[in-house]
Amino acid sequence: MAETQTQYHLYGAPGWGSVLVEAALVRARLPYTFEDVTGFDAPGPVRDRLVALNPLAQVPVLVLPDGTVMTESAAILLHLAETYPEAGLAPPVGDPARPVFLRRLVWLVSALYATFTYADYPERWAPGAPEELRERVLARRKQLWQQWEDEIAPAPWALGARFSALDLWISAMTRWRPGRGWMAENCPKLHAIALRVDAEPDLREMWARNFDAA
């Protein structure tokens, strides 16, 4: 694995989208510090500190060892996968599984993850009918999960026999609404992947820190 001279610095909030990057850092065994910016979605000094790094005021924000600031979960993940290929976060260039990985990663960000932007803050987008928007978006999210469930092969991991960061994201994102109970009933293959990731010893403490106290 490539040498890391200093630590990464991750800005995030327990249980939020920063967990997607934190899981990758843990899996790759990279040293990092975590700065909790819980409350960044409301005006105040915490949000101001985040905006100075990311004008969108979103997590995660990852400061690389050389001081470079990275935002956008997929971009961060691809950077880590390319910098530390031994971690197995993504299939390498030229591998037949790489196009499948890239397609699903971008799909997760652009289609599925985007639903949280609207369902978590429906009053911003539909002030006259926020709950109606929330329910419509949640229904769309369920459709997207079921779409992937129908496409995925019944194998240990999202890419078959090979573990990848897709599995980390499945474990994290299935903990959010509609939740694991719904996943178990409606998307059993994806739910099984999530449970396998949960059982990975190197990730247990990180999951507990992000979700057990929520």
Protein backbone atom coordinates (compact mmCIF):
# COMPACT_ATOMS: atom_id res chain seq x y z
CA MET A 1 0.00 0.00 0.00
CA ALA A 2 1.28 3.47 -0.84
CA GLU A 3 2.90 5.32 2.03
CA THR A 4 0.78 7.90 3.84
CA GLN A 5 2.91 10.66 5.33
CA THR A 6 0.24 12.33 7.44
CA GLN A 7 -3.37 11.78 8.35
CA TYR A 8 -6.46 12.51 6.36
CA HIS A 9 -8.95 14.87 7.98
CA LEU A 10 -12.63 14.09 7.50
CA TYR A 11 -15.39 16.59 8.22
CA GLY A 12 -18.70 14.89 8.85
CA ALA A 13 -21.54 14.05 11.19
CA PRO A 14 -22.20 10.62 12.72
CA GLY A 15 -24.73 8.69 10.67
CA TRP A 16 -24.72 11.19 7.80
CA GLY A 17 -23.21 10.86 4.33
CA SER A 18 -19.69 11.20 5.66
CA VAL A 19 -19.96 7.59 6.81
CA LEU A 20 -19.57 6.54 3.16
CA VAL A 21 -16.06 7.97 3.08
CA GLU A 22 -15.20 7.01 6.64
CA ALA A 23 -15.99 3.37 5.87
CA ALA A 24 -13.60 3.50 2.92
CA LEU A 25 -10.85 5.05 5.06
CA VAL A 26 -11.28 2.33 7.66
CA ARG A 27 -11.36 -0.43 5.08
CA ALA A 28 -8.18 0.90 3.49
CA ARG A 29 -6.58 1.17 6.95
CA LEU A 30 -5.73 4.81 6.42
CA PRO A 31 -5.00 7.11 9.38
CA TYR A 32 -7.53 9.90 9.71
CA THR A 33 -9.00 12.36 12.14
CA PHE A 34 -12.71 13.08 12.27
CA GLU A 35 -14.13 16.54 12.88
CA ASP A 36 -17.77 16.42 13.92
CA VAL A 37 -19.75 19.19 12.26
CA THR A 38 -23.16 18.08 13.47
CA GLY A 39 -25.55 20.97 13.08
CA PHE A 40 -24.01 22.14 9.81
CA ASP A 41 -27.47 22.22 8.21
CA ALA A 42 -28.48 25.22 10.35
CA PRO A 43 -26.98 28.74 10.41
CA GLY A 44 -24.13 29.17 12.87
CA PRO A 45 -20.38 28.87 13.35
CA VAL A 46 -20.32 25.14 12.54
CA ARG A 47 -21.95 25.73 9.18
CA ASP A 48 -19.66 28.67 8.52
CA ARG A 49 -16.63 26.47 9.14
CA LEU A 50 -17.94 23.90 6.66
CA VAL A 51 -18.90 26.49 4.03
CA ALA A 52 -15.32 27.76 4.09
CA LEU A 53 -14.31 24.35 2.76
CA ASN A 54 -17.38 23.42 0.73
CA PRO A 55 -19.68 26.23 -0.46
CA LEU A 56 -22.50 23.68 -0.79
CA ALA A 57 -22.33 23.15 2.99
CA GLN A 58 -22.45 19.40 2.59
CA VAL A 59 -20.57 16.49 4.09
CA PRO A 60 -18.29 14.72 3.56
CA VAL A 61 -15.31 16.98 3.13
CA LEU A 62 -11.94 15.23 3.10
CA VAL A 63 -8.67 17.13 3.46
CA LEU A 64 -5.88 15.08 1.91
CA PRO A 65 -2.44 14.77 3.50
CA ASP A 66 -1.10 17.44 1.14
CA GLY A 67 -3.85 19.87 2.13
CA THR A 68 -6.05 19.39 -0.93
CA VAL A 69 -9.75 19.68 -0.09
CA MET A 70 -12.02 17.12 -1.70
CA THR A 71 -15.81 17.03 -1.72
CA GLU A 72 -18.34 14.68 -3.39
CA SER A 73 -18.42 11.14 -2.03
CA ALA A 74 -17.91 9.36 -5.34
CA ALA A 75 -14.93 11.52 -6.29
CA ILE A 76 -13.32 10.92 -2.89
CA LEU A 77 -13.93 7.19 -3.14
CA LEU A 78 -12.42 6.94 -6.61
CA HIS A 79 -9.38 8.91 -5.47
CA LEU A 80 -8.84 6.57 -2.51
CA ALA A 81 -9.37 3.50 -4.69
CA GLU A 82 -6.81 4.68 -7.22
CA THR A 83 -4.29 5.81 -4.61
CA TYR A 84 -4.56 2.60 -2.56
CA PRO A 85 -5.46 -0.17 -5.02
CA GLU A 86 -4.45 -2.84 -2.51
CA ALA A 87 -7.47 -1.88 -0.41
CA GLY A 88 -9.79 -3.39 -3.00
CA LEU A 89 -12.26 -0.52 -2.95
CA ALA A 90 -12.78 -0.71 -6.71
CA PRO A 91 -11.81 -3.00 -9.61
CA PRO A 92 -8.71 -1.73 -11.40
CA VAL A 93 -8.72 -0.17 -14.86
CA GLY A 94 -9.01 -2.92 -17.45
CA ASP A 95 -10.90 -5.28 -15.17
CA PRO A 96 -14.25 -6.37 -16.70
CA ALA A 97 -15.97 -5.50 -13.42
CA ARG A 98 -14.83 -1.86 -13.47
CA PRO A 99 -17.52 -0.55 -15.85
CA VAL A 100 -20.15 -2.27 -13.70
CA PHE A 101 -18.68 -0.68 -10.59
CA LEU A 102 -18.49 2.81 -12.11
CA ARG A 103 -22.03 2.68 -13.44
CA ARG A 104 -23.45 1.62 -10.07
CA LEU A 105 -21.37 4.12 -8.11
CA VAL A 106 -22.60 7.04 -10.19
CA TRP A 107 -26.15 5.64 -10.07
CA LEU A 108 -26.00 5.57 -6.28
CA VAL A 109 -24.94 9.20 -6.14
CA SER A 110 -27.10 10.66 -8.90
CA ALA A 111 -30.28 8.61 -8.52
CA LEU A 112 -30.55 7.10 -5.05
CA TYR A 113 -28.54 9.41 -2.80
CA ALA A 114 -30.12 12.45 -4.42
CA THR A 115 -33.50 11.45 -3.02
CA PHE A 116 -32.28 12.27 0.48
CA THR A 117 -31.70 15.89 -0.51
CA TYR A 118 -35.42 16.30 -1.11
CA ALA A 119 -36.94 13.93 1.42
CA ASP A 120 -34.84 15.15 4.35
CA TYR A 121 -35.75 18.80 3.79
CA PRO A 122 -39.06 18.77 1.90
CA GLU A 123 -40.06 22.16 3.26
CA ARG A 124 -37.25 23.73 1.23
CA TRP A 125 -38.57 22.38 -2.07
CA ALA A 126 -42.33 22.18 -1.49
CA PRO A 127 -43.21 24.55 1.36
CA GLY A 128 -46.89 24.18 0.57
CA ALA A 129 -46.93 20.37 0.76
CA PRO A 130 -43.73 19.10 2.39
CA GLU A 131 -45.12 15.78 3.61
CA GLU A 132 -46.54 14.94 0.21
CA LEU A 133 -43.13 15.54 -1.35
CA ARG A 134 -41.45 13.45 1.34
CA GLU A 135 -43.75 10.50 0.69
CA ARG A 136 -43.37 10.74 -3.08
CA VAL A 137 -39.59 10.85 -2.85
CA LEU A 138 -39.51 7.95 -0.39
CA ALA A 139 -41.66 5.92 -2.77
CA ARG A 140 -39.19 6.68 -5.56
CA ARG A 141 -36.31 5.61 -3.34
CA LYS A 142 -37.99 2.28 -2.72
CA GLN A 143 -38.43 1.80 -6.46
CA LEU A 144 -34.74 2.45 -7.02
CA TRP A 145 -33.68 -0.07 -4.38
CA GLN A 146 -36.00 -2.66 -5.91
CA GLN A 147 -34.59 -1.91 -9.36
CA TRP A 148 -31.11 -2.81 -8.14
CA GLU A 149 -32.45 -5.84 -6.29
CA ASP A 150 -33.91 -7.16 -9.55
CA GLU A 151 -30.62 -6.67 -11.39
CA ILE A 152 -28.15 -7.98 -8.83
CA ALA A 153 -26.99 -11.58 -8.92
CA PRO A 154 -27.45 -13.71 -5.80
CA ALA A 155 -23.78 -13.56 -4.81
CA PRO A 156 -21.85 -12.63 -1.68
CA TRP A 157 -21.14 -9.06 -2.81
CA ALA A 158 -22.54 -6.45 -5.18
CA LEU A 159 -19.94 -7.34 -7.81
CA GLY A 160 -20.20 -11.08 -7.21
CA ALA A 161 -17.26 -12.75 -5.55
CA ARG A 162 -15.31 -9.50 -5.17
CA PHE A 163 -15.79 -7.09 -2.25
CA SER A 164 -15.86 -3.41 -3.20
CA ALA A 165 -16.85 -0.03 -1.84
CA LEU A 166 -20.34 -0.64 -3.25
CA ASP A 167 -20.85 -3.06 -0.40
CA LEU A 168 -19.79 -0.42 2.12
CA TRP A 169 -22.34 1.96 0.67
CA ILE A 170 -25.07 -0.68 0.76
CA SER A 171 -24.40 -1.28 4.46
CA ALA A 172 -24.56 2.44 5.23
CA MET A 173 -27.45 3.48 3.01
CA THR A 174 -29.75 0.62 3.97
CA ARG A 175 -29.62 1.95 7.54
CA TRP A 176 -31.41 5.08 6.35
CA ARG A 177 -35.09 5.25 5.48
CA PRO A 178 -36.94 3.06 4.59
CA GLY A 179 -34.55 1.05 6.79
CA ARG A 180 -33.36 -2.48 7.25
CA GLY A 181 -36.79 -3.93 8.04
CA TRP A 182 -38.16 -2.83 4.70
CA MET A 183 -34.98 -3.96 2.93
CA ALA A 184 -35.20 -7.43 4.45
CA GLU A 185 -38.75 -7.86 3.17
CA ASN A 186 -38.42 -6.23 -0.23
CA CYS A 187 -34.73 -6.44 -1.20
CA PRO A 188 -33.39 -9.61 0.46
CA LYS A 189 -30.25 -9.86 -1.70
CA LEU A 190 -29.14 -6.32 -0.90
CA HIS A 191 -30.11 -6.82 2.73
CA ALA A 192 -27.93 -9.94 2.88
CA ILE A 193 -24.97 -7.96 1.52
CA ALA A 194 -25.52 -5.31 4.19
CA LEU A 195 -25.46 -7.96 6.93
CA ARG A 196 -22.23 -9.44 5.57
CA VAL A 197 -20.60 -6.02 5.64
CA ASP A 198 -21.89 -5.47 9.19
CA ALA A 199 -20.04 -8.61 10.22
CA GLU A 200 -16.64 -7.44 8.92
CA PRO A 201 -14.54 -7.09 12.11
CA ASP A 202 -12.58 -4.02 11.00
CA LEU A 203 -15.77 -2.03 10.42
CA ARG A 204 -17.80 -2.80 13.55
CA GLU A 205 -16.49 0.02 15.72
CA MET A 206 -16.99 2.55 12.93
CA TRP A 207 -20.60 1.47 12.34
CA ALA A 208 -21.32 1.60 16.06
CA ARG A 209 -19.85 5.09 16.36
CA ASN A 210 -22.01 6.33 13.48
CA PHE A 211 -25.30 4.57 14.08
CA ASP A 212 -25.69 2.97 17.50
CA ALA A 213 -25.87 6.30 19.31
CA ALA A 214 -28.28 7.79 16.76
